Amino acid sequence: MAVLGVDGWRGRWVGALLDGRAVRLMALDDVAAVLAVPDVELIAIDMPIGLSETGPRACDEIARRRLLRAGSSVFPAPLRQVLACADYVAACEVSREASGKALSKQAWNLVPAIRSLDEALGDPPDERVVEVHPELSFRALDPAVRDPKITARGLVQRLTALRTVMDVDDALAAAPPLVPAVDALDACAAAWSAARLARGEGESLGDGAVDSRGRPMRISC
């Protein structure tokens, strides 16, 4: 059965449907569309799922240490209380009160997508959906992936790594219009992680904690 890797893209989602070596890129309008992709064993999504209410998640801190120079790509996940905030100022006030620190602008920009995912997962949450981070996936796939993804060197490193496990060139050639290359490759990396997690071969970073809605606070790769 196929697996799905998913990366955020301008209020929408890029999906990479992987079955063996064959991979197909998809433009998905919302989380409902992501969850509705048929015959998918596991969905690996680059978006926080389990959310702390008191401070940083252990999985984010471990991921930043693991990635070293690329650790800045791991934004601290917002606190669960922030999902109810109407604007950035309110979100910062809530974050300061609960944790002593304001919310980063980057994390605030992710809140609409995090909120929609949180609502769609339901209670209990859909166990097919796991949180991943593409930089961790690429590093697990090939430690030679070191340069930033927006650079020429970084692009070649990611393509070289993905070509060993999937027909990524065919997927890129048939990608939906306007899908950026970096998001497409991140979705493919997430799909690779989904495939190995489905085989029981993946790794999960975190301290085993779950949040108040029963979502695990972990990042898998």
Protein backbone atom coordinates (compact mmCIF):
# COMPACT_ATOMS: atom_id res chain seq x y z
CA MET A 1 0.00 0.00 0.00
CA ALA A 2 1.15 3.55 -0.72
CA VAL A 3 2.24 6.21 1.77
CA LEU A 4 1.90 9.99 1.57
CA GLY A 5 4.41 12.70 2.39
CA VAL A 6 2.99 16.21 2.85
CA ASP A 7 4.55 19.67 2.96
CA GLY A 8 2.84 23.03 3.44
CA TRP A 9 2.59 25.34 0.43
CA ARG A 10 1.05 28.84 0.59
CA GLY A 11 -2.08 27.85 2.45
CA ARG A 12 -2.30 24.56 0.55
CA TRP A 13 -0.35 21.31 0.68
CA VAL A 14 1.99 19.42 -1.62
CA GLY A 15 1.58 15.66 -1.38
CA ALA A 16 4.00 12.99 -2.59
CA LEU A 17 2.25 9.65 -3.01
CA LEU A 18 4.90 6.92 -2.86
CA ASP A 19 4.34 3.30 -3.86
CA GLY A 20 7.56 1.36 -4.24
CA ARG A 21 9.79 3.61 -6.32
CA ALA A 22 6.90 5.32 -8.08
CA VAL A 23 6.02 8.74 -6.68
CA ARG A 24 3.32 11.17 -7.76
CA LEU A 25 3.14 14.80 -6.70
CA MET A 26 -0.25 16.26 -5.83
CA ALA A 27 -1.61 19.73 -5.02
CA LEU A 28 -4.06 19.39 -2.11
CA ASP A 29 -6.31 22.28 -1.10
CA ASP A 30 -6.74 21.52 2.60
CA VAL A 31 -6.24 18.96 5.34
CA ALA A 32 -9.50 17.26 4.46
CA ALA A 33 -8.10 16.62 0.99
CA VAL A 34 -4.88 15.26 2.52
CA LEU A 35 -6.77 12.81 4.72
CA ALA A 36 -9.06 11.82 1.85
CA VAL A 37 -6.28 10.52 -0.43
CA PRO A 38 -7.37 6.90 -0.88
CA ASP A 39 -5.47 3.70 -0.05
CA VAL A 40 -2.77 5.35 2.05
CA GLU A 41 -1.21 3.38 4.89
CA LEU A 42 0.57 6.26 6.58
CA ILE A 43 0.71 10.06 6.16
CA ALA A 44 3.88 11.93 7.17
CA ILE A 45 3.28 15.67 7.41
CA ASP A 46 5.70 18.54 7.99
CA MET A 47 3.60 20.28 10.63
CA PRO A 48 3.48 20.17 14.44
CA ILE A 49 0.85 17.77 15.80
CA GLY A 50 1.32 17.33 19.56
CA LEU A 51 1.43 20.77 21.25
CA SER A 52 2.78 21.66 24.67
CA GLU A 53 0.91 24.02 27.00
CA THR A 54 3.88 25.05 29.16
CA GLY A 55 7.06 25.39 27.13
CA PRO A 56 9.29 23.97 24.37
CA ARG A 57 8.69 20.45 23.10
CA ALA A 58 11.55 18.04 23.72
CA CYS A 59 11.31 16.80 20.11
CA ASP A 60 12.04 20.30 18.73
CA GLU A 61 15.07 20.71 20.95
CA ILE A 62 16.41 17.27 20.01
CA ALA A 63 15.82 17.96 16.31
CA ARG A 64 17.72 21.26 16.45
CA ARG A 65 20.68 19.57 18.10
CA ARG A 66 20.58 16.76 15.55
CA LEU A 67 20.61 19.17 12.60
CA LEU A 68 23.35 21.48 13.95
CA ARG A 69 23.74 24.31 11.40
CA ALA A 70 20.35 23.53 9.89
CA GLY A 71 18.70 23.51 13.31
CA SER A 72 17.25 26.98 12.73
CA SER A 73 14.81 25.35 10.28
CA VAL A 74 13.07 23.75 13.29
CA PHE A 75 10.75 26.48 14.57
CA PRO A 76 9.55 26.09 18.18
CA ALA A 77 5.99 24.82 17.95
CA PRO A 78 3.32 27.19 19.31
CA LEU A 79 1.64 26.36 22.60
CA ARG A 80 -1.77 24.75 22.28
CA GLN A 81 -3.42 27.83 23.81
CA VAL A 82 -2.18 29.91 20.86
CA LEU A 83 -4.55 28.09 18.49
CA ALA A 84 -7.42 30.07 20.05
CA CYS A 85 -5.72 33.47 19.53
CA ALA A 86 -7.05 35.87 16.92
CA ASP A 87 -3.82 37.78 16.24
CA TYR A 88 -0.08 37.76 16.79
CA VAL A 89 -0.13 40.20 19.69
CA ALA A 90 -2.55 38.00 21.64
CA ALA A 91 -0.51 34.91 20.78
CA CYS A 92 2.65 36.51 22.16
CA GLU A 93 0.85 37.49 25.38
CA VAL A 94 -0.45 33.96 25.86
CA SER A 95 2.98 32.49 25.16
CA ARG A 96 4.75 34.85 27.56
CA GLU A 97 2.27 34.11 30.33
CA ALA A 98 2.60 30.34 29.96
CA SER A 99 6.27 29.94 29.07
CA GLY A 100 8.04 33.24 29.62
CA LYS A 101 8.77 33.67 25.91
CA ALA A 102 6.94 35.34 23.03
CA LEU A 103 5.94 33.36 19.97
CA SER A 104 8.15 33.70 16.90
CA LYS A 105 6.61 35.23 13.81
CA GLN A 106 7.49 32.11 11.83
CA ALA A 107 5.57 29.92 14.26
CA TRP A 108 2.58 32.29 14.19
CA ASN A 109 2.46 32.02 10.40
CA LEU A 110 2.02 28.25 10.80
CA VAL A 111 -0.89 28.55 13.24
CA PRO A 112 -3.73 28.41 10.64
CA ALA A 113 -2.31 25.19 9.18
CA ILE A 114 -1.64 23.71 12.63
CA ARG A 115 -5.17 24.59 13.75
CA SER A 116 -6.77 23.03 10.67
CA LEU A 117 -4.70 19.86 11.10
CA ASP A 118 -5.52 19.68 14.81
CA GLU A 119 -9.24 19.95 14.10
CA ALA A 120 -9.14 17.40 11.28
CA LEU A 121 -7.28 14.73 13.26
CA GLY A 122 -10.23 14.29 15.62
CA ASP A 123 -10.47 12.57 19.01
CA PRO A 124 -8.82 10.17 19.26
CA PRO A 125 -6.43 11.43 16.56
CA ASP A 126 -6.04 9.62 13.26
CA GLU A 127 -3.15 7.23 13.98
CA ARG A 128 -2.14 7.16 10.29
CA VAL A 129 -0.81 10.73 10.56
CA VAL A 130 2.68 11.38 11.94
CA GLU A 131 4.76 14.52 12.25
CA VAL A 132 8.04 14.71 10.32
CA HIS A 133 10.61 17.34 9.44
CA PRO A 134 12.09 17.12 5.91
CA GLU A 135 15.57 18.16 7.01
CA LEU A 136 15.66 15.25 9.45
CA SER A 137 14.34 12.95 6.71
CA PHE A 138 17.02 14.04 4.25
CA ARG A 139 19.74 13.69 6.88
CA ALA A 140 18.55 10.18 7.72
CA LEU A 141 18.41 9.28 4.04
CA ASP A 142 21.85 10.68 3.20
CA PRO A 143 24.16 12.48 5.67
CA ALA A 144 25.73 14.25 2.67
CA VAL A 145 22.65 16.50 2.44
CA ARG A 146 24.11 19.50 4.24
CA ASP A 147 23.66 22.68 2.20
CA PRO A 148 20.49 24.83 2.38
CA LYS A 149 17.69 23.63 0.14
CA ILE A 150 17.41 26.96 -1.68
CA THR A 151 20.99 26.73 -2.95
CA ALA A 152 22.17 24.95 -6.10
CA ARG A 153 24.36 22.61 -4.04
CA GLY A 154 21.51 21.84 -1.67
CA LEU A 155 19.15 21.09 -4.55
CA VAL A 156 21.59 18.64 -6.14
CA GLN A 157 22.28 16.95 -2.80
CA ARG A 158 18.56 16.37 -2.24
CA LEU A 159 17.93 15.10 -5.74
CA THR A 160 20.91 12.74 -5.52
CA ALA A 161 19.63 11.33 -2.22
CA LEU A 162 16.05 10.88 -3.41
CA ARG A 163 17.08 9.21 -6.67
CA THR A 164 18.39 6.26 -4.67
CA VAL A 165 14.93 5.46 -3.27
CA MET A 166 12.34 6.78 -5.74
CA ASP A 167 11.81 7.99 -9.31
CA VAL A 168 11.87 11.63 -8.28
CA ASP A 169 12.73 13.05 -11.72
CA ASP A 170 9.58 11.56 -13.22
CA ALA A 171 7.54 13.02 -10.36
CA LEU A 172 9.00 16.50 -10.83
CA ALA A 173 8.42 16.40 -14.57
CA ALA A 174 4.73 15.62 -14.00
CA ALA A 175 4.23 17.92 -10.99
CA PRO A 176 1.12 20.11 -10.81
CA PRO A 177 1.67 23.64 -12.18
CA LEU A 178 3.37 26.19 -9.92
CA VAL A 179 4.43 23.69 -7.24
CA PRO A 180 7.87 24.91 -6.03
CA ALA A 181 10.76 22.48 -6.33
CA VAL A 182 11.77 22.85 -2.67
CA ASP A 183 8.28 21.95 -1.43
CA ALA A 184 8.03 19.04 -3.85
CA LEU A 185 11.35 17.63 -2.67
CA ASP A 186 10.40 18.13 0.98
CA ALA A 187 7.16 16.21 0.38
CA CYS A 188 9.17 13.42 -1.27
CA ALA A 189 11.51 13.25 1.72
CA ALA A 190 8.50 13.06 4.03
CA ALA A 191 7.12 10.23 1.90
CA TRP A 192 10.39 8.33 2.25
CA SER A 193 10.13 8.67 6.02
CA ALA A 194 6.51 7.52 5.86
CA ALA A 195 7.54 4.41 3.94
CA ARG A 196 10.23 3.40 6.39
CA LEU A 197 8.02 4.17 9.38
CA ALA A 198 5.34 1.94 7.85
CA ARG A 199 7.95 -0.82 7.66
CA GLY A 200 8.84 -0.29 11.31
CA GLU A 201 12.30 1.01 10.43
CA GLY A 202 11.99 4.70 11.30
CA GLU A 203 13.05 6.75 14.30
CA SER A 204 11.07 9.11 16.51
CA LEU A 205 12.56 12.03 18.42
CA GLY A 206 10.98 13.13 21.69
CA ASP A 207 10.52 12.19 25.33
CA GLY A 208 7.37 10.11 24.93
CA ALA A 209 5.05 12.91 26.08
CA VAL A 210 1.55 13.41 24.70
CA ASP A 211 -0.43 16.63 24.81
CA SER A 212 -3.82 17.37 26.38
CA ARG A 213 -5.64 16.04 23.30
CA GLY A 214 -3.69 12.81 23.25
CA ARG A 215 -1.42 13.78 20.35
CA PRO A 216 2.18 12.55 20.66
CA MET A 217 4.82 15.30 20.85
CA ARG A 218 7.37 13.68 18.60
CA ILE A 219 9.04 14.14 15.23
CA SER A 220 9.67 10.99 13.20
CA CYS A 221 12.08 10.39 10.36
